[in-house]
Amino acid sequence: MRTNKVAGAAFAMALMLSPVAAMADELRAVSTTNVGDAAEVNKIEAKSGPGGAEVKTSSEAIKEHADGSVSSSERKESLKSDFTGTSRKSEASSTMVSPDGSMSSVKEEVRSAH
C-alpha cells in the first residue's frame, strides 16, 4: 500500500511541475521570420475549458519592394465552439505605400455561425 501512495505522490508532483500538464487548457506560440527586405510574425492561441474551445491565428507581414514602395498585410482568423454552436471570423487587410507617399488599403471581413 505504501508503494501506491509513493507512486501516486510522485505522479501528482510530476503533473504539478510539468509545463504541458499545467497549460493543457491554453497554448500560445509566436514565430518571427526575417528574409531580405521582408518580415513576418505568426501567432496562434488555443484555449479550451468547460465553456467551449477557441483557436485564434494571426499573421502580419511587412515588405519593402525594389521600386521603393512598402506593403503591409495582416490576417486574423478565429474559430469558437461552445454549447450554442460554432462561429468563425476571418479578417484580412493590406496597405501599400508608394514612393511618392500615396497610399491604398483594402480590408475584408467574413463571419459565419453554425
PDB file of N, CA and C in Angstrom:
ATOM      1  N   MET A   1       0.817  -1.176   0.000  1.00  0.00           N
ATOM      2  CA  MET A   1       0.000   0.000   0.000  1.00  0.00           C
ATOM      3  C   MET A   1       0.873   1.256   0.000  1.00  0.00           C
ATOM      4  N   ARG A   2       1.971   1.202   0.723  1.00  0.00           N
ATOM      5  CA  ARG A   2       2.864   2.345   0.783  1.00  0.00           C
ATOM      6  C   ARG A   2       3.432   2.651  -0.594  1.00  0.00           C
ATOM      7  N   THR A   3       3.718   1.642  -1.420  1.00  0.00           N
ATOM      8  CA  THR A   3       4.239   1.843  -2.769  1.00  0.00           C
ATOM      9  C   THR A   3       3.237   2.622  -3.612  1.00  0.00           C
ATOM     10  N   ASN A   4       1.952   2.317  -3.489  1.00  0.00           N
ATOM     11  CA  ASN A   4       0.924   3.038  -4.251  1.00  0.00           C
ATOM     12  C   ASN A   4       0.865   4.511  -3.848  1.00  0.00           C
ATOM     13  N   LYS A   5       0.995   4.780  -2.534  1.00  0.00           N
ATOM     14  CA  LYS A   5       0.969   6.169  -2.068  1.00  0.00           C
ATOM     15  C   LYS A   5       2.167   6.935  -2.598  1.00  0.00           C
ATOM     16  N   VAL A   6       3.341   6.319  -2.583  1.00  0.00           N
ATOM     17  CA  VAL A   6       4.556   6.967  -3.075  1.00  0.00           C
ATOM     18  C   VAL A   6       4.440   7.202  -4.583  1.00  0.00           C
ATOM     19  N   ALA A   7       3.956   6.206  -5.314  1.00  0.00           N
ATOM     20  CA  ALA A   7       3.794   6.352  -6.764  1.00  0.00           C
ATOM     21  C   ALA A   7       2.762   7.434  -7.071  1.00  0.00           C
ATOM     22  N   GLY A   8       1.676   7.472  -6.324  1.00  0.00           N
ATOM     23  CA  GLY A   8       0.647   8.496  -6.523  1.00  0.00           C
ATOM     24  C   GLY A   8       1.175   9.885  -6.234  1.00  0.00           C
ATOM     25  N   ALA A   9       1.943  10.013  -5.167  1.00  0.00           N
ATOM     26  CA  ALA A   9       2.526  11.306  -4.818  1.00  0.00           C
ATOM     27  C   ALA A   9       3.527  11.753  -5.885  1.00  0.00           C
ATOM     28  N   ALA A  10       4.323  10.827  -6.405  1.00  0.00           N
ATOM     29  CA  ALA A  10       5.297  11.155  -7.456  1.00  0.00           C
ATOM     30  C   ALA A  10       4.574  11.592  -8.725  1.00  0.00           C
ATOM     31  N   PHE A  11       3.484  10.899  -9.065  1.00  0.00           N
ATOM     32  CA  PHE A  11       2.701  11.254 -10.253  1.00  0.00           C
ATOM     33  C   PHE A  11       2.082  12.641 -10.096  1.00  0.00           C
ATOM     34  N   ALA A  12       1.527  12.921  -8.928  1.00  0.00           N
ATOM     35  CA  ALA A  12       0.921  14.233  -8.667  1.00  0.00           C
ATOM     36  C   ALA A  12       1.978  15.330  -8.744  1.00  0.00           C
ATOM     37  N   MET A  13       3.155  15.086  -8.203  1.00  0.00           N
ATOM     38  CA  MET A  13       4.237  16.067  -8.245  1.00  0.00           C
ATOM     39  C   MET A  13       4.685  16.296  -9.686  1.00  0.00           C
ATOM     40  N   ALA A  14       4.766  15.241 -10.484  1.00  0.00           N
ATOM     41  CA  ALA A  14       5.157  15.379 -11.891  1.00  0.00           C
ATOM     42  C   ALA A  14       4.137  16.220 -12.651  1.00  0.00           C
ATOM     43  N   LEU A  15       2.854  16.042 -12.368  1.00  0.00           N
ATOM     44  CA  LEU A  15       1.816  16.839 -13.021  1.00  0.00           C
ATOM     45  C   LEU A  15       1.931  18.314 -12.650  1.00  0.00           C
ATOM     46  N   MET A  16       2.244  18.592 -11.385  1.00  0.00           N
ATOM     47  CA  MET A  16       2.365  19.983 -10.950  1.00  0.00           C
ATOM     48  C   MET A  16       3.577  20.659 -11.576  1.00  0.00           C
ATOM     49  N   LEU A  17       4.648  19.925 -11.792  1.00  0.00           N
ATOM     50  CA  LEU A  17       5.870  20.503 -12.328  1.00  0.00           C
ATOM     51  C   LEU A  17       5.922  20.503 -13.848  1.00  0.00           C
ATOM     52  N   SER A  18       5.071  19.732 -14.492  1.00  0.00           N
ATOM     53  CA  SER A  18       5.091  19.623 -15.946  1.00  0.00           C
ATOM     54  C   SER A  18       4.431  20.837 -16.588  1.00  0.00           C
ATOM     55  N   PRO A  19       5.159  21.613 -17.442  1.00  0.00           N
ATOM     56  CA  PRO A  19       4.547  22.756 -18.094  1.00  0.00           C
ATOM     57  C   PRO A  19       3.429  22.352 -19.046  1.00  0.00           C
ATOM     58  N   VAL A  20       3.526  21.199 -19.669  1.00  0.00           N
ATOM     59  CA  VAL A  20       2.490  20.739 -20.589  1.00  0.00           C
ATOM     60  C   VAL A  20       1.206  20.458 -19.822  1.00  0.00           C
ATOM     61  N   ALA A  21       1.312  19.769 -18.716  1.00  0.00           N
ATOM     62  CA  ALA A  21       0.125  19.458 -17.927  1.00  0.00           C
ATOM     63  C   ALA A  21      -0.469  20.715 -17.319  1.00  0.00           C
ATOM     64  N   ALA A  22       0.376  21.630 -16.886  1.00  0.00           N
ATOM     65  CA  ALA A  22      -0.118  22.852 -16.258  1.00  0.00           C
ATOM     66  C   ALA A  22      -0.822  23.756 -17.259  1.00  0.00           C
ATOM     67  N   MET A  23      -0.463  23.660 -18.531  1.00  0.00           N
ATOM     68  CA  MET A  23      -1.045  24.528 -19.538  1.00  0.00           C
ATOM     69  C   MET A  23      -1.900  23.742 -20.535  1.00  0.00           C
ATOM     70  N   ALA A  24      -2.463  22.643 -20.137  1.00  0.00           N
ATOM     71  CA  ALA A  24      -3.212  21.788 -21.048  1.00  0.00           C
ATOM     72  C   ALA A  24      -4.413  22.493 -21.646  1.00  0.00           C
ATOM     73  N   ASP A  25      -4.965  23.505 -20.965  1.00  0.00           N
ATOM     74  CA  ASP A  25      -6.145  24.180 -21.487  1.00  0.00           C
ATOM     75  C   ASP A  25      -5.814  25.474 -22.229  1.00  0.00           C
ATOM     76  N   GLU A  26      -4.535  25.809 -22.395  1.00  0.00           N
ATOM     77  CA  GLU A  26      -4.163  27.025 -23.103  1.00  0.00           C
ATOM     78  C   GLU A  26      -2.810  26.844 -23.780  1.00  0.00           C
ATOM     79  N   LEU A  27      -2.724  27.274 -25.031  1.00  0.00           N
ATOM     80  CA  LEU A  27      -1.492  27.161 -25.805  1.00  0.00           C
ATOM     81  C   LEU A  27      -1.265  28.467 -26.548  1.00  0.00           C
ATOM     82  N   ARG A  28      -0.041  28.982 -26.516  1.00  0.00           N
ATOM     83  CA  ARG A  28       0.326  30.185 -27.266  1.00  0.00           C
ATOM     84  C   ARG A  28       1.664  29.947 -27.932  1.00  0.00           C
ATOM     85  N   ALA A  29       1.759  30.372 -29.191  1.00  0.00           N
ATOM     86  CA  ALA A  29       3.017  30.236 -29.917  1.00  0.00           C
ATOM     87  C   ALA A  29       3.193  31.436 -30.830  1.00  0.00           C
ATOM     88  N   VAL A  30       4.448  31.889 -30.984  1.00  0.00           N
ATOM     89  CA  VAL A  30       4.772  33.031 -31.849  1.00  0.00           C
ATOM     90  C   VAL A  30       6.011  32.667 -32.647  1.00  0.00           C
ATOM     91  N   SER A  31       5.972  32.943 -33.949  1.00  0.00           N
ATOM     92  CA  SER A  31       7.169  32.743 -34.766  1.00  0.00           C
ATOM     93  C   SER A  31       7.417  34.010 -35.578  1.00  0.00           C
ATOM     94  N   THR A  32       8.692  34.364 -35.739  1.00  0.00           N
ATOM     95  CA  THR A  32       9.086  35.551 -36.495  1.00  0.00           C
ATOM     96  C   THR A  32      10.064  35.133 -37.575  1.00  0.00           C
ATOM     97  N   THR A  33       9.847  35.648 -38.794  1.00  0.00           N
ATOM     98  CA  THR A  33      10.724  35.336 -39.910  1.00  0.00           C
ATOM     99  C   THR A  33      11.182  36.639 -40.556  1.00  0.00           C
ATOM    100  N   ASN A  34      12.477  36.777 -40.756  1.00  0.00           N
ATOM    101  CA  ASN A  34      13.044  37.921 -41.480  1.00  0.00           C
ATOM    102  C   ASN A  34      13.828  37.374 -42.665  1.00  0.00           C
ATOM    103  N   VAL A  35      13.409  37.765 -43.879  1.00  0.00           N
ATOM    104  CA  VAL A  35      14.101  37.334 -45.085  1.00  0.00           C
ATOM    105  C   VAL A  35      14.302  38.552 -45.970  1.00  0.00           C
ATOM    106  N   GLY A  36      15.538  38.952 -46.161  1.00  0.00           N
ATOM    107  CA  GLY A  36      15.822  40.110 -47.011  1.00  0.00           C
ATOM    108  C   GLY A  36      15.108  41.352 -46.520  1.00  0.00           C
ATOM    109  N   ASP A  37      14.257  41.900 -47.373  1.00  0.00           N
ATOM    110  CA  ASP A  37      13.531  43.130 -47.054  1.00  0.00           C
ATOM    111  C   ASP A  37      12.126  42.842 -46.533  1.00  0.00           C
ATOM    112  N   ALA A  38      11.884  41.659 -46.021  1.00  0.00           N
ATOM    113  CA  ALA A  38      10.547  41.286 -45.549  1.00  0.00           C
ATOM    114  C   ALA A  38      10.621  40.724 -44.132  1.00  0.00           C
ATOM    115  N   ALA A  39       9.570  40.962 -43.372  1.00  0.00           N
ATOM    116  CA  ALA A  39       9.465  40.423 -42.009  1.00  0.00           C
ATOM    117  C   ALA A  39       8.048  39.890 -41.836  1.00  0.00           C
ATOM    118  N   GLU A  40       7.917  38.774 -41.135  1.00  0.00           N
ATOM    119  CA  GLU A  40       6.606  38.180 -40.901  1.00  0.00           C
ATOM    120  C   GLU A  40       6.531  37.652 -39.472  1.00  0.00           C
ATOM    121  N   VAL A  41       5.382  37.880 -38.829  1.00  0.00           N
ATOM    122  CA  VAL A  41       5.131  37.391 -37.478  1.00  0.00           C
ATOM    123  C   VAL A  41       3.848  36.561 -37.522  1.00  0.00           C
ATOM    124  N   ASN A  42       3.921  35.335 -37.035  1.00  0.00           N
ATOM    125  CA  ASN A  42       2.759  34.450 -36.965  1.00  0.00           C
ATOM    126  C   ASN A  42       2.478  34.102 -35.513  1.00  0.00           C
ATOM    127  N   LYS A  43       1.204  34.153 -35.127  1.00  0.00           N
ATOM    128  CA  LYS A  43       0.812  33.845 -33.753  1.00  0.00           C
ATOM    129  C   LYS A  43      -0.347  32.865 -33.779  1.00  0.00           C
ATOM    130  N   ILE A  44      -0.391  31.996 -32.776  1.00  0.00           N
ATOM    131  CA  ILE A  44      -1.517  31.095 -32.594  1.00  0.00           C
ATOM    132  C   ILE A  44      -1.831  31.017 -31.107  1.00  0.00           C
ATOM    133  N   GLU A  45      -3.100  30.999 -30.791  1.00  0.00           N
ATOM    134  CA  GLU A  45      -3.551  30.891 -29.405  1.00  0.00           C
ATOM    135  C   GLU A  45      -4.734  29.932 -29.382  1.00  0.00           C
ATOM    136  N   ALA A  46      -4.690  28.953 -28.511  1.00  0.00           N
ATOM    137  CA  ALA A  46      -5.781  27.990 -28.378  1.00  0.00           C
ATOM    138  C   ALA A  46      -6.158  27.870 -26.909  1.00  0.00           C
ATOM    139  N   LYS A  47      -7.467  27.870 -26.641  1.00  0.00           N
ATOM    140  CA  LYS A  47      -7.972  27.738 -25.279  1.00  0.00           C
ATOM    141  C   LYS A  47      -9.116  26.741 -25.275  1.00  0.00           C
ATOM    142  N   SER A  48      -9.222  26.002 -24.198  1.00  0.00           N
ATOM    143  CA  SER A  48     -10.369  25.123 -24.014  1.00  0.00           C
ATOM    144  C   SER A  48     -10.725  25.064 -22.544  1.00  0.00           C
ATOM    145  N   GLY A  49     -11.974  24.799 -22.284  1.00  0.00           N
ATOM    146  CA  GLY A  49     -12.444  24.722 -20.910  1.00  0.00           C
ATOM    147  C   GLY A  49     -13.888  24.278 -20.885  1.00  0.00           C
ATOM    148  N   PRO A  50     -14.525  24.351 -19.733  1.00  0.00           N
ATOM    149  CA  PRO A  50     -15.904  23.884 -19.592  1.00  0.00           C
ATOM    150  C   PRO A  50     -16.884  24.644 -20.490  1.00  0.00           C
ATOM    151  N   GLY A  51     -16.562  25.893 -20.848  1.00  0.00           N
ATOM    152  CA  GLY A  51     -17.454  26.696 -21.678  1.00  0.00           C
ATOM    153  C   GLY A  51     -17.279  26.491 -23.169  1.00  0.00           C
ATOM    154  N   GLY A  52     -16.261  25.743 -23.590  1.00  0.00           N
ATOM    155  CA  GLY A  52     -16.024  25.508 -25.008  1.00  0.00           C
ATOM    156  C   GLY A  52     -14.560  25.654 -25.365  1.00  0.00           C
ATOM    157  N   ALA A  53     -14.297  25.809 -26.657  1.00  0.00           N
ATOM    158  CA  ALA A  53     -12.926  25.912 -27.146  1.00  0.00           C
ATOM    159  C   ALA A  53     -12.827  27.044 -28.158  1.00  0.00           C
ATOM    160  N   GLU A  54     -11.632  27.643 -28.248  1.00  0.00           N
ATOM    161  CA  GLU A  54     -11.408  28.742 -29.184  1.00  0.00           C
ATOM    162  C   GLU A  54      -9.974  28.684 -29.692  1.00  0.00           C
ATOM    163  N   VAL A  55      -9.802  28.897 -30.996  1.00  0.00           N
ATOM    164  CA  VAL A  55      -8.487  28.965 -31.614  1.00  0.00           C
ATOM    165  C   VAL A  55      -8.409  30.270 -32.391  1.00  0.00           C
ATOM    166  N   LYS A  56      -7.322  31.017 -32.188  1.00  0.00           N
ATOM    167  CA  LYS A  56      -7.096  32.277 -32.898  1.00  0.00           C
ATOM    168  C   LYS A  56      -5.724  32.212 -33.564  1.00  0.00           C
ATOM    169  N   THR A  57      -5.658  32.652 -34.814  1.00  0.00           N
ATOM    170  CA  THR A  57      -4.380  32.766 -35.506  1.00  0.00           C
ATOM    171  C   THR A  57      -4.274  34.156 -36.100  1.00  0.00           C
ATOM    172  N   SER A  58      -3.056  34.665 -36.195  1.00  0.00           N
ATOM    173  CA  SER A  58      -2.830  35.954 -36.850  1.00  0.00           C
ATOM    174  C   SER A  58      -1.474  35.929 -37.535  1.00  0.00           C
ATOM    175  N   SER A  59      -1.398  36.681 -38.614  1.00  0.00           N
ATOM    176  CA  SER A  59      -0.167  36.790 -39.381  1.00  0.00           C
ATOM    177  C   SER A  59      -0.015  38.233 -39.821  1.00  0.00           C
ATOM    178  N   GLU A  60       1.160  38.806 -39.596  1.00  0.00           N
ATOM    179  CA  GLU A  60       1.458  40.174 -40.000  1.00  0.00           C
ATOM    180  C   GLU A  60       2.744  40.156 -40.809  1.00  0.00           C
ATOM    181  N   ALA A  61       2.753  40.882 -41.923  1.00  0.00           N
ATOM    182  CA  ALA A  61       3.940  40.912 -42.775  1.00  0.00           C
ATOM    183  C   ALA A  61       4.184  42.325 -43.284  1.00  0.00           C
ATOM    184  N   ILE A  62       5.443  42.680 -43.411  1.00  0.00           N
ATOM    185  CA  ILE A  62       5.863  43.964 -43.973  1.00  0.00           C
ATOM    186  C   ILE A  62       6.957  43.666 -44.990  1.00  0.00           C
ATOM    187  N   LYS A  63       6.865  44.333 -46.146  1.00  0.00           N
ATOM    188  CA  LYS A  63       7.855  44.088 -47.188  1.00  0.00           C
ATOM    189  C   LYS A  63       8.190  45.378 -47.919  1.00  0.00           C
ATOM    190  N   GLU A  64       9.483  45.579 -48.168  1.00  0.00           N
ATOM    191  CA  GLU A  64       9.954  46.709 -48.967  1.00  0.00           C
ATOM    192  C   GLU A  64      10.216  46.187 -50.380  1.00  0.00           C
ATOM    193  N   HIS A  65       9.703  46.895 -51.392  1.00  0.00           N
ATOM    194  CA  HIS A  65       9.829  46.460 -52.777  1.00  0.00           C
ATOM    195  C   HIS A  65      10.944  47.223 -53.483  1.00  0.00           C
ATOM    196  N   ALA A  66      11.409  46.676 -54.602  1.00  0.00           N
ATOM    197  CA  ALA A  66      12.524  47.258 -55.360  1.00  0.00           C
ATOM    198  C   ALA A  66      12.212  48.663 -55.865  1.00  0.00           C
ATOM    199  N   ASP A  67      10.947  48.975 -56.130  1.00  0.00           N
ATOM    200  CA  ASP A  67      10.587  50.304 -56.638  1.00  0.00           C
ATOM    201  C   ASP A  67      10.491  51.358 -55.532  1.00  0.00           C
ATOM    202  N   GLY A  68      10.763  50.977 -54.285  1.00  0.00           N
ATOM    203  CA  GLY A  68      10.727  51.907 -53.164  1.00  0.00           C
ATOM    204  C   GLY A  68       9.414  51.906 -52.401  1.00  0.00           C
ATOM    205  N   SER A  69       8.444  51.169 -52.878  1.00  0.00           N
ATOM    206  CA  SER A  69       7.168  51.079 -52.163  1.00  0.00           C
ATOM    207  C   SER A  69       7.272  50.097 -51.008  1.00  0.00           C
ATOM    208  N   VAL A  70       6.350  50.225 -50.065  1.00  0.00           N
ATOM    209  CA  VAL A  70       6.312  49.353 -48.896  1.00  0.00           C
ATOM    210  C   VAL A  70       4.886  48.816 -48.762  1.00  0.00           C
ATOM    211  N   SER A  71       4.764  47.525 -48.487  1.00  0.00           N
ATOM    212  CA  SER A  71       3.436  46.941 -48.294  1.00  0.00           C
ATOM    213  C   SER A  71       3.379  46.240 -46.946  1.00  0.00           C
ATOM    214  N   SER A  72       2.194  46.244 -46.378  1.00  0.00           N
ATOM    215  CA  SER A  72       1.979  45.509 -45.130  1.00  0.00           C
ATOM    216  C   SER A  72       0.663  44.748 -45.266  1.00  0.00           C
ATOM    217  N   SER A  73       0.604  43.611 -44.625  1.00  0.00           N
ATOM    218  CA  SER A  73      -0.626  42.820 -44.642  1.00  0.00           C
ATOM    219  C   SER A  73      -0.841  42.200 -43.273  1.00  0.00           C
ATOM    220  N   GLU A  74      -2.102  41.996 -42.966  1.00  0.00           N
ATOM    221  CA  GLU A  74      -2.468  41.390 -41.692  1.00  0.00           C
ATOM    222  C   GLU A  74      -3.641  40.452 -41.941  1.00  0.00           C
ATOM    223  N   ARG A  75      -3.581  39.273 -41.337  1.00  0.00           N
ATOM    224  CA  ARG A  75      -4.650  38.301 -41.459  1.00  0.00           C
ATOM    225  C   ARG A  75      -4.927  37.719 -40.084  1.00  0.00           C
ATOM    226  N   LYS A  76      -6.234  37.697 -39.711  1.00  0.00           N
ATOM    227  CA  LYS A  76      -6.645  37.128 -38.430  1.00  0.00           C
ATOM    228  C   LYS A  76      -7.783  36.151 -38.675  1.00  0.00           C
ATOM    229  N   GLU A  77      -7.759  35.051 -37.956  1.00  0.00           N
ATOM    230  CA  GLU A  77      -8.833  34.072 -38.023  1.00  0.00           C
ATOM    231  C   GLU A  77      -9.121  33.549 -36.637  1.00  0.00           C
ATOM    232  N   SER A  78     -10.393  33.306 -36.360  1.00  0.00           N
ATOM    233  CA  SER A  78     -10.746  32.693 -35.082  1.00  0.00           C
ATOM    234  C   SER A  78     -11.884  31.709 -35.305  1.00  0.00           C
ATOM    235  N   LEU A  79     -11.848  30.659 -34.531  1.00  0.00           N
ATOM    236  CA  LEU A  79     -12.879  29.627 -34.560  1.00  0.00           C
ATOM    237  C   LEU A  79     -13.260  29.344 -33.118  1.00  0.00           C
ATOM    238  N   LYS A  80     -14.543  29.465 -32.811  1.00  0.00           N
ATOM    239  CA  LYS A  80     -15.015  29.279 -31.441  1.00  0.00           C
ATOM    240  C   LYS A  80     -16.153  28.255 -31.450  1.00  0.00           C
ATOM    241  N   SER A  81     -16.103  27.345 -30.505  1.00  0.00           N
ATOM    242  CA  SER A  81     -17.138  26.328 -30.392  1.00  0.00           C
ATOM    243  C   SER A  81     -17.576  26.223 -28.933  1.00  0.00           C
ATOM    244  N   ASP A  82     -18.900  26.331 -28.708  1.00  0.00           N
ATOM    245  CA  ASP A  82     -19.441  26.169 -27.364  1.00  0.00           C
ATOM    246  C   ASP A  82     -20.830  25.541 -27.466  1.00  0.00           C
ATOM    247  N   PHE A  83     -21.572  25.552 -26.373  1.00  0.00           N
ATOM    248  CA  PHE A  83     -22.872  24.881 -26.358  1.00  0.00           C
ATOM    249  C   PHE A  83     -23.882  25.504 -27.322  1.00  0.00           C
ATOM    250  N   THR A  84     -23.638  26.741 -27.770  1.00  0.00           N
ATOM    251  CA  THR A  84     -24.561  27.401 -28.709  1.00  0.00           C
ATOM    252  C   THR A  84     -24.239  27.079 -30.163  1.00  0.00           C
ATOM    253  N   GLY A  85     -23.070  26.513 -30.426  1.00  0.00           N
ATOM    254  CA  GLY A  85     -22.675  26.177 -31.788  1.00  0.00           C
ATOM    255  C   GLY A  85     -21.249  26.597 -32.078  1.00  0.00           C
ATOM    256  N   THR A  86     -20.958  26.746 -33.362  1.00  0.00           N
ATOM    257  CA  THR A  86     -19.617  27.097 -33.812  1.00  0.00           C
ATOM    258  C   THR A  86     -19.671  28.392 -34.600  1.00  0.00           C
ATOM    259  N   SER A  87     -18.733  29.280 -34.350  1.00  0.00           N
ATOM    260  CA  SER A  87     -18.651  30.522 -35.108  1.00  0.00           C
ATOM    261  C   SER A  87     -17.225  30.720 -35.608  1.00  0.00           C
ATOM    262  N   ARG A  88     -17.136  31.349 -36.765  1.00  0.00           N
ATOM    263  CA  ARG A  88     -15.829  31.591 -37.381  1.00  0.00           C
ATOM    264  C   ARG A  88     -15.769  33.041 -37.841  1.00  0.00           C
ATOM    265  N   LYS A  89     -14.617  33.655 -37.657  1.00  0.00           N
ATOM    266  CA  LYS A  89     -14.409  35.029 -38.089  1.00  0.00           C
ATOM    267  C   LYS A  89     -13.063  35.104 -38.800  1.00  0.00           C
ATOM    268  N   SER A  90     -13.051  35.763 -39.926  1.00  0.00           N
ATOM    269  CA  SER A  90     -11.835  35.906 -40.706  1.00  0.00           C
ATOM    270  C   SER A  90     -11.702  37.357 -41.134  1.00  0.00           C
ATOM    271  N   GLU A  91     -10.529  37.941 -40.938  1.00  0.00           N
ATOM    272  CA  GLU A  91     -10.252  39.323 -41.332  1.00  0.00           C
ATOM    273  C   GLU A  91      -8.935  39.364 -42.090  1.00  0.00           C
ATOM    274  N   ALA A  92      -8.896  40.188 -43.135  1.00  0.00           N
ATOM    275  CA  ALA A  92      -7.653  40.383 -43.872  1.00  0.00           C
ATOM    276  C   ALA A  92      -7.580  41.844 -44.288  1.00  0.00           C
ATOM    277  N   SER A  93      -6.399  42.424 -44.186  1.00  0.00           N
ATOM    278  CA  SER A  93      -6.210  43.800 -44.632  1.00  0.00           C
ATOM    279  C   SER A  93      -4.805  43.946 -45.197  1.00  0.00           C
ATOM    280  N   SER A  94      -4.683  44.871 -46.137  1.00  0.00           N
ATOM    281  CA  SER A  94      -3.364  45.157 -46.690  1.00  0.00           C
ATOM    282  C   SER A  94      -3.284  46.637 -47.031  1.00  0.00           C
ATOM    283  N   THR A  95      -2.076  47.165 -46.943  1.00  0.00           N
ATOM    284  CA  THR A  95      -1.820  48.573 -47.248  1.00  0.00           C
ATOM    285  C   THR A  95      -0.557  48.662 -48.084  1.00  0.00           C
ATOM    286  N   MET A  96      -0.603  49.507 -49.110  1.00  0.00           N
ATOM    287  CA  MET A  96       0.557  49.741 -49.962  1.00  0.00           C
ATOM    288  C   MET A  96       0.857  51.231 -49.953  1.00  0.00           C
ATOM    289  N   VAL A  97       2.110  51.583 -49.651  1.00  0.00           N
ATOM    290  CA  VAL A  97       2.553  52.975 -49.683  1.00  0.00           C
ATOM    291  C   VAL A  97       3.567  53.094 -50.808  1.00  0.00           C
ATOM    292  N   SER A  98       3.257  53.966 -51.772  1.00  0.00           N
ATOM    293  CA  SER A  98       4.125  54.179 -52.934  1.00  0.00           C
ATOM    294  C   SER A  98       5.264  55.132 -52.579  1.00  0.00           C
ATOM    295  N   PRO A  99       6.325  55.166 -53.395  1.00  0.00           N
ATOM    296  CA  PRO A  99       7.447  56.067 -53.121  1.00  0.00           C
ATOM    297  C   PRO A  99       7.035  57.539 -53.072  1.00  0.00           C
ATOM    298  N   ASP A 100       5.954  57.909 -53.785  1.00  0.00           N
ATOM    299  CA  ASP A 100       5.511  59.305 -53.774  1.00  0.00           C
ATOM    300  C   ASP A 100       4.649  59.642 -52.557  1.00  0.00           C
ATOM    301  N   GLY A 101       4.411  58.654 -51.676  1.00  0.00           N
ATOM    302  CA  GLY A 101       3.652  58.881 -50.452  1.00  0.00           C
ATOM    303  C   GLY A 101       2.178  58.543 -50.556  1.00  0.00           C
ATOM    304  N   SER A 102       1.689  58.223 -51.758  1.00  0.00           N
ATOM    305  CA  SER A 102       0.286  57.839 -51.889  1.00  0.00           C
ATOM    306  C   SER A 102       0.082  56.459 -51.262  1.00  0.00           C
ATOM    307  N   MET A 103      -1.134  56.231 -50.809  1.00  0.00           N
ATOM    308  CA  MET A 103      -1.407  55.009 -50.064  1.00  0.00           C
ATOM    309  C   MET A 103      -2.728  54.405 -50.525  1.00  0.00           C
ATOM    310  N   SER A 104      -2.792  53.078 -50.531  1.00  0.00           N
ATOM    311  CA  SER A 104      -4.044  52.378 -50.808  1.00  0.00           C
ATOM    312  C   SER A 104      -4.206  51.255 -49.792  1.00  0.00           C
ATOM    313  N   SER A 105      -5.454  51.035 -49.373  1.00  0.00           N
ATOM    314  CA  SER A 105      -5.745  50.000 -48.371  1.00  0.00           C
ATOM    315  C   SER A 105      -6.945  49.180 -48.806  1.00  0.00           C
ATOM    316  N   VAL A 106      -6.943  47.920 -48.391  1.00  0.00           N
ATOM    317  CA  VAL A 106      -8.048  47.004 -48.653  1.00  0.00           C
ATOM    318  C   VAL A 106      -8.311  46.244 -47.360  1.00  0.00           C
ATOM    319  N   LYS A 107      -9.589  46.081 -47.001  1.00  0.00           N
ATOM    320  CA  LYS A 107      -9.949  45.317 -45.806  1.00  0.00           C
ATOM    321  C   LYS A 107     -11.121  44.398 -46.148  1.00  0.00           C
ATOM    322  N   GLU A 108     -11.061  43.163 -45.638  1.00  0.00           N
ATOM    323  CA  GLU A 108     -12.113  42.178 -45.873  1.00  0.00           C
ATOM    324  C   GLU A 108     -12.432  41.501 -44.543  1.00  0.00           C
ATOM    325  N   GLU A 109     -13.711  41.275 -44.268  1.00  0.00           N
ATOM    326  CA  GLU A 109     -14.125  40.595 -43.042  1.00  0.00           C
ATOM    327  C   GLU A 109     -15.242  39.616 -43.378  1.00  0.00           C
ATOM    328  N   VAL A 110     -15.121  38.390 -42.883  1.00  0.00           N
ATOM    329  CA  VAL A 110     -16.133  37.361 -43.107  1.00  0.00           C
ATOM    330  C   VAL A 110     -16.470  36.728 -41.771  1.00  0.00           C
ATOM    331  N   ARG A 111     -17.773  36.592 -41.491  1.00  0.00           N
ATOM    332  CA  ARG A 111     -18.230  35.930 -40.275  1.00  0.00           C
ATOM    333  C   ARG A 111     -19.227  34.848 -40.640  1.00  0.00           C
ATOM    334  N   SER A 112     -19.183  33.752 -39.914  1.00  0.00           N
ATOM    335  CA  SER A 112     -20.174  32.695 -40.118  1.00  0.00           C
ATOM    336  C   SER A 112     -20.448  32.000 -38.804  1.00  0.00           C
ATOM    337  N   ALA A 113     -21.637  31.439 -38.685  1.00  0.00           N
ATOM    338  CA  ALA A 113     -22.037  30.705 -37.482  1.00  0.00           C
ATOM    339  C   ALA A 113     -22.772  29.453 -37.913  1.00  0.00           C
ATOM    340  N   HIS A 114     -22.575  28.369 -37.191  1.00  0.00           N
ATOM    341  CA  HIS A 114     -23.254  27.097 -37.489  1.00  0.00           C
ATOM    342  C   HIS A 114     -23.970  26.600 -36.265  1.00  0.00           C
TER     343      HIS A 114
END
